[in-house]
Amino acid sequence: MGNEPEIDWNVGLADEERKDLENLIDAFQADRSLTSTQEKPEELQKQITAMKEKMTLMSTMLLDLDKKTRSLYEVLRLFHKKTEVMNQRISEVVRLVNIREKK
């Protein structure tokens, strides 16, 4: 499909995951180009079954990516919380040092 824009799938995916996703997209595009309006119901049923399997695989990939994203979010949230606590402690130490110097 020459008129479709190129999509850069390098959004934190591993090379293996990116290749799987590209293969799935290529397979969908190939299936779409082979589809005709004069096909028999049996052929259409086979295509529907194949598409269900591909959608199941893509759903599994998306759920895996979602799980990784949630884990990353939790790590970043905890890191931010730790940084805030450390900043509070440093501020308190600076305040105490300033109080001692004034005495």
N, C-alpha and C. Protein backbone atom coordinates (compact mmCIF):
# COMPACT_ATOMS: atom_id res chain seq x y z
N MET A 1 0.84 -1.16 0.00
CA MET A 1 0.00 0.00 0.00
C MET A 1 0.89 1.23 0.00
N GLY A 2 1.17 1.75 -1.16
CA GLY A 2 2.13 2.81 -1.30
C GLY A 2 1.68 4.15 -0.76
N ASN A 3 0.38 4.40 -0.66
CA ASN A 3 -0.07 5.71 -0.23
C ASN A 3 -0.24 5.84 1.28
N GLU A 4 0.05 4.80 2.03
CA GLU A 4 -0.06 4.85 3.49
C GLU A 4 1.24 5.36 4.09
N PRO A 5 1.16 6.19 5.14
CA PRO A 5 2.38 6.74 5.74
C PRO A 5 3.17 5.65 6.45
N GLU A 6 4.48 5.83 6.48
CA GLU A 6 5.36 4.92 7.20
C GLU A 6 5.21 5.20 8.69
N ILE A 7 5.07 4.16 9.48
CA ILE A 7 4.92 4.31 10.91
C ILE A 7 6.17 3.77 11.58
N ASP A 8 6.75 4.57 12.45
CA ASP A 8 7.91 4.13 13.21
C ASP A 8 7.42 3.46 14.47
N TRP A 9 7.58 2.12 14.54
CA TRP A 9 7.08 1.35 15.67
C TRP A 9 8.11 1.23 16.77
N ASN A 10 9.18 1.97 16.71
CA ASN A 10 10.23 1.89 17.72
C ASN A 10 9.87 2.77 18.91
N VAL A 11 8.87 2.34 19.68
CA VAL A 11 8.39 3.11 20.83
C VAL A 11 8.66 2.33 22.11
N GLY A 12 9.86 1.87 22.27
CA GLY A 12 10.19 1.12 23.47
C GLY A 12 9.95 -0.37 23.33
N LEU A 13 9.62 -0.81 22.14
CA LEU A 13 9.42 -2.24 21.93
C LEU A 13 10.76 -2.92 21.67
N ALA A 14 10.85 -4.15 22.10
CA ALA A 14 12.05 -4.92 21.79
C ALA A 14 12.03 -5.23 20.29
N ASP A 15 13.20 -5.50 19.71
CA ASP A 15 13.28 -5.79 18.29
C ASP A 15 12.36 -6.93 17.90
N GLU A 16 12.30 -7.94 18.73
CA GLU A 16 11.46 -9.11 18.45
C GLU A 16 9.98 -8.71 18.44
N GLU A 17 9.56 -7.90 19.40
CA GLU A 17 8.17 -7.44 19.45
C GLU A 17 7.84 -6.56 18.26
N ARG A 18 8.77 -5.70 17.88
CA ARG A 18 8.56 -4.81 16.74
C ARG A 18 8.41 -5.62 15.45
N LYS A 19 9.26 -6.62 15.27
CA LYS A 19 9.18 -7.47 14.08
C LYS A 19 7.87 -8.24 14.04
N ASP A 20 7.42 -8.76 15.19
CA ASP A 20 6.14 -9.46 15.25
C ASP A 20 5.00 -8.53 14.84
N LEU A 21 5.03 -7.32 15.35
CA LEU A 21 3.98 -6.36 15.02
C LEU A 21 4.01 -6.00 13.54
N GLU A 22 5.19 -5.79 12.99
CA GLU A 22 5.30 -5.49 11.56
C GLU A 22 4.80 -6.67 10.71
N ASN A 23 5.12 -7.91 11.14
CA ASN A 23 4.66 -9.07 10.40
C ASN A 23 3.14 -9.18 10.43
N LEU A 24 2.55 -8.90 11.59
CA LEU A 24 1.09 -8.94 11.69
C LEU A 24 0.44 -7.89 10.78
N ILE A 25 1.00 -6.70 10.77
CA ILE A 25 0.46 -5.64 9.92
C ILE A 25 0.60 -6.01 8.46
N ASP A 26 1.76 -6.54 8.07
CA ASP A 26 1.96 -6.98 6.69
C ASP A 26 0.96 -8.07 6.31
N ALA A 27 0.71 -9.00 7.22
CA ALA A 27 -0.24 -10.07 6.95
C ALA A 27 -1.65 -9.51 6.78
N PHE A 28 -2.03 -8.54 7.61
CA PHE A 28 -3.34 -7.92 7.47
C PHE A 28 -3.47 -7.21 6.13
N GLN A 29 -2.41 -6.50 5.74
CA GLN A 29 -2.46 -5.78 4.47
C GLN A 29 -2.52 -6.75 3.30
N ALA A 30 -1.79 -7.87 3.39
CA ALA A 30 -1.83 -8.87 2.32
C ALA A 30 -3.22 -9.50 2.24
N ASP A 31 -3.82 -9.81 3.39
CA ASP A 31 -5.18 -10.36 3.40
C ASP A 31 -6.18 -9.39 2.80
N ARG A 32 -6.02 -8.12 3.12
CA ARG A 32 -6.94 -7.11 2.63
C ARG A 32 -6.85 -6.99 1.11
N SER A 33 -5.64 -7.07 0.56
CA SER A 33 -5.47 -6.93 -0.89
C SER A 33 -5.98 -8.16 -1.63
N LEU A 34 -6.02 -9.32 -0.98
CA LEU A 34 -6.51 -10.55 -1.62
C LEU A 34 -8.03 -10.69 -1.56
N THR A 35 -8.66 -9.91 -0.73
CA THR A 35 -10.10 -10.03 -0.54
C THR A 35 -10.83 -9.55 -1.80
N SER A 36 -11.82 -10.33 -2.21
CA SER A 36 -12.65 -9.91 -3.34
C SER A 36 -14.11 -10.04 -2.94
N THR A 37 -14.98 -9.38 -3.68
CA THR A 37 -16.40 -9.40 -3.35
C THR A 37 -17.08 -10.67 -3.85
N GLN A 38 -16.41 -11.51 -4.61
CA GLN A 38 -17.01 -12.69 -5.20
C GLN A 38 -16.59 -13.98 -4.49
N GLU A 39 -16.18 -13.90 -3.25
CA GLU A 39 -15.68 -15.08 -2.57
C GLU A 39 -16.83 -15.92 -2.00
N LYS A 40 -16.53 -17.19 -1.82
CA LYS A 40 -17.51 -18.12 -1.28
C LYS A 40 -17.60 -17.96 0.23
N PRO A 41 -18.73 -18.32 0.82
CA PRO A 41 -18.88 -18.21 2.28
C PRO A 41 -17.84 -19.02 3.05
N GLU A 42 -17.43 -20.17 2.51
CA GLU A 42 -16.42 -20.98 3.21
C GLU A 42 -15.09 -20.24 3.30
N GLU A 43 -14.75 -19.59 2.20
CA GLU A 43 -13.50 -18.81 2.18
C GLU A 43 -13.58 -17.64 3.15
N LEU A 44 -14.72 -16.99 3.15
CA LEU A 44 -14.90 -15.88 4.08
C LEU A 44 -14.81 -16.35 5.53
N GLN A 45 -15.37 -17.53 5.82
CA GLN A 45 -15.31 -18.07 7.18
C GLN A 45 -13.87 -18.38 7.57
N LYS A 46 -13.08 -18.90 6.63
CA LYS A 46 -11.66 -19.17 6.90
C LYS A 46 -10.92 -17.87 7.20
N GLN A 47 -11.23 -16.83 6.42
CA GLN A 47 -10.58 -15.55 6.65
C GLN A 47 -10.97 -14.96 8.01
N ILE A 48 -12.24 -15.10 8.36
CA ILE A 48 -12.69 -14.60 9.66
C ILE A 48 -11.98 -15.33 10.79
N THR A 49 -11.84 -16.64 10.65
CA THR A 49 -11.14 -17.43 11.67
C THR A 49 -9.68 -17.00 11.77
N ALA A 50 -9.04 -16.80 10.63
CA ALA A 50 -7.64 -16.36 10.63
C ALA A 50 -7.51 -14.98 11.27
N MET A 51 -8.45 -14.10 10.97
CA MET A 51 -8.40 -12.75 11.55
C MET A 51 -8.63 -12.80 13.06
N LYS A 52 -9.50 -13.68 13.52
CA LYS A 52 -9.71 -13.83 14.96
C LYS A 52 -8.43 -14.27 15.65
N GLU A 53 -7.72 -15.21 15.04
CA GLU A 53 -6.46 -15.68 15.62
C GLU A 53 -5.43 -14.55 15.66
N LYS A 54 -5.36 -13.78 14.59
CA LYS A 54 -4.42 -12.66 14.55
C LYS A 54 -4.79 -11.59 15.58
N MET A 55 -6.07 -11.32 15.72
CA MET A 55 -6.52 -10.33 16.71
C MET A 55 -6.22 -10.81 18.13
N THR A 56 -6.38 -12.11 18.35
CA THR A 56 -6.04 -12.67 19.66
C THR A 56 -4.56 -12.48 19.95
N LEU A 57 -3.73 -12.74 18.96
CA LEU A 57 -2.29 -12.56 19.13
C LEU A 57 -1.95 -11.09 19.39
N MET A 58 -2.57 -10.19 18.63
CA MET A 58 -2.30 -8.76 18.84
C MET A 58 -2.79 -8.31 20.21
N SER A 59 -3.93 -8.84 20.64
CA SER A 59 -4.45 -8.49 21.97
C SER A 59 -3.48 -8.94 23.05
N THR A 60 -2.93 -10.11 22.89
CA THR A 60 -1.95 -10.62 23.85
C THR A 60 -0.73 -9.71 23.89
N MET A 61 -0.27 -9.29 22.71
CA MET A 61 0.89 -8.38 22.66
C MET A 61 0.57 -7.06 23.35
N LEU A 62 -0.63 -6.53 23.11
CA LEU A 62 -1.00 -5.26 23.73
C LEU A 62 -1.14 -5.38 25.24
N LEU A 63 -1.68 -6.50 25.71
CA LEU A 63 -1.78 -6.71 27.15
C LEU A 63 -0.40 -6.81 27.79
N ASP A 64 0.53 -7.46 27.09
CA ASP A 64 1.90 -7.56 27.60
C ASP A 64 2.54 -6.18 27.66
N LEU A 65 2.34 -5.37 26.62
CA LEU A 65 2.88 -4.02 26.61
C LEU A 65 2.25 -3.18 27.71
N ASP A 66 0.95 -3.35 27.93
CA ASP A 66 0.26 -2.63 29.00
C ASP A 66 0.83 -3.00 30.36
N LYS A 67 1.11 -4.29 30.57
CA LYS A 67 1.67 -4.73 31.84
C LYS A 67 3.04 -4.10 32.07
N LYS A 68 3.86 -4.07 31.01
CA LYS A 68 5.19 -3.46 31.14
C LYS A 68 5.08 -1.97 31.41
N THR A 69 4.12 -1.31 30.77
CA THR A 69 3.93 0.12 30.97
C THR A 69 3.50 0.42 32.39
N ARG A 70 2.58 -0.40 32.93
CA ARG A 70 2.16 -0.21 34.32
C ARG A 70 3.32 -0.39 35.27
N SER A 71 4.17 -1.36 35.01
CA SER A 71 5.34 -1.57 35.87
C SER A 71 6.27 -0.37 35.81
N LEU A 72 6.49 0.15 34.62
CA LEU A 72 7.34 1.33 34.46
C LEU A 72 6.74 2.52 35.19
N TYR A 73 5.45 2.71 35.07
CA TYR A 73 4.77 3.80 35.78
C TYR A 73 4.97 3.68 37.28
N GLU A 74 4.83 2.49 37.81
CA GLU A 74 4.98 2.28 39.26
C GLU A 74 6.41 2.59 39.70
N VAL A 75 7.39 2.17 38.92
CA VAL A 75 8.80 2.47 39.25
C VAL A 75 9.03 3.98 39.23
N LEU A 76 8.51 4.66 38.21
CA LEU A 76 8.69 6.11 38.14
C LEU A 76 7.97 6.83 39.27
N ARG A 77 6.79 6.36 39.65
CA ARG A 77 6.05 6.96 40.75
C ARG A 77 6.83 6.82 42.07
N LEU A 78 7.36 5.63 42.32
CA LEU A 78 8.14 5.40 43.54
C LEU A 78 9.43 6.21 43.54
N PHE A 79 10.06 6.33 42.37
CA PHE A 79 11.29 7.12 42.27
C PHE A 79 10.99 8.59 42.59
N HIS A 80 9.87 9.09 42.06
CA HIS A 80 9.48 10.48 42.34
C HIS A 80 9.21 10.68 43.83
N LYS A 81 8.51 9.74 44.43
CA LYS A 81 8.20 9.83 45.87
C LYS A 81 9.49 9.82 46.69
N LYS A 82 10.44 8.96 46.31
CA LYS A 82 11.72 8.89 47.01
C LYS A 82 12.46 10.22 46.88
N THR A 83 12.42 10.81 45.69
CA THR A 83 13.09 12.08 45.46
C THR A 83 12.49 13.17 46.34
N GLU A 84 11.17 13.20 46.44
CA GLU A 84 10.52 14.19 47.29
C GLU A 84 10.92 14.03 48.75
N VAL A 85 10.96 12.79 49.23
CA VAL A 85 11.35 12.54 50.63
C VAL A 85 12.79 12.97 50.85
N MET A 86 13.67 12.64 49.92
CA MET A 86 15.08 13.03 50.06
C MET A 86 15.22 14.55 50.05
N ASN A 87 14.47 15.23 49.19
CA ASN A 87 14.53 16.70 49.17
C ASN A 87 14.05 17.30 50.49
N GLN A 88 13.01 16.72 51.06
CA GLN A 88 12.52 17.19 52.36
C GLN A 88 13.59 17.00 53.43
N ARG A 89 14.26 15.86 53.41
CA ARG A 89 15.31 15.59 54.41
C ARG A 89 16.48 16.55 54.25
N ILE A 90 16.86 16.78 53.01
CA ILE A 90 17.98 17.71 52.76
C ILE A 90 17.59 19.11 53.22
N SER A 91 16.37 19.53 52.94
CA SER A 91 15.91 20.85 53.37
C SER A 91 15.92 20.95 54.89
N GLU A 92 15.52 19.90 55.55
CA GLU A 92 15.50 19.89 57.01
C GLU A 92 16.92 19.97 57.58
N VAL A 93 17.85 19.25 56.97
CA VAL A 93 19.25 19.31 57.41
C VAL A 93 19.81 20.71 57.21
N VAL A 94 19.52 21.32 56.08
CA VAL A 94 20.00 22.68 55.81
C VAL A 94 19.41 23.65 56.83
N ARG A 95 18.12 23.49 57.13
CA ARG A 95 17.47 24.36 58.12
C ARG A 95 18.12 24.19 59.48
N LEU A 96 18.40 22.94 59.88
CA LEU A 96 19.04 22.70 61.18
C LEU A 96 20.46 23.27 61.23
N VAL A 97 21.20 23.16 60.14
CA VAL A 97 22.57 23.72 60.10
C VAL A 97 22.50 25.23 60.21
N ASN A 98 21.54 25.85 59.55
CA ASN A 98 21.41 27.31 59.63
C ASN A 98 21.05 27.75 61.02
N ILE A 99 20.21 27.01 61.73
CA ILE A 99 19.82 27.33 63.10
C ILE A 99 21.05 27.23 64.02
N ARG A 100 21.87 26.21 63.85
CA ARG A 100 23.07 26.03 64.69
C ARG A 100 24.09 27.14 64.44
N GLU A 101 24.21 27.57 63.19
CA GLU A 101 25.18 28.62 62.87
C GLU A 101 24.79 29.95 63.49
N LYS A 102 23.49 30.18 63.61
CA LYS A 102 23.01 31.43 64.19
C LYS A 102 23.25 31.50 65.68
N LYS A 103 23.34 30.36 66.34
CA LYS A 103 23.55 30.34 67.79
C LYS A 103 24.94 30.66 68.16
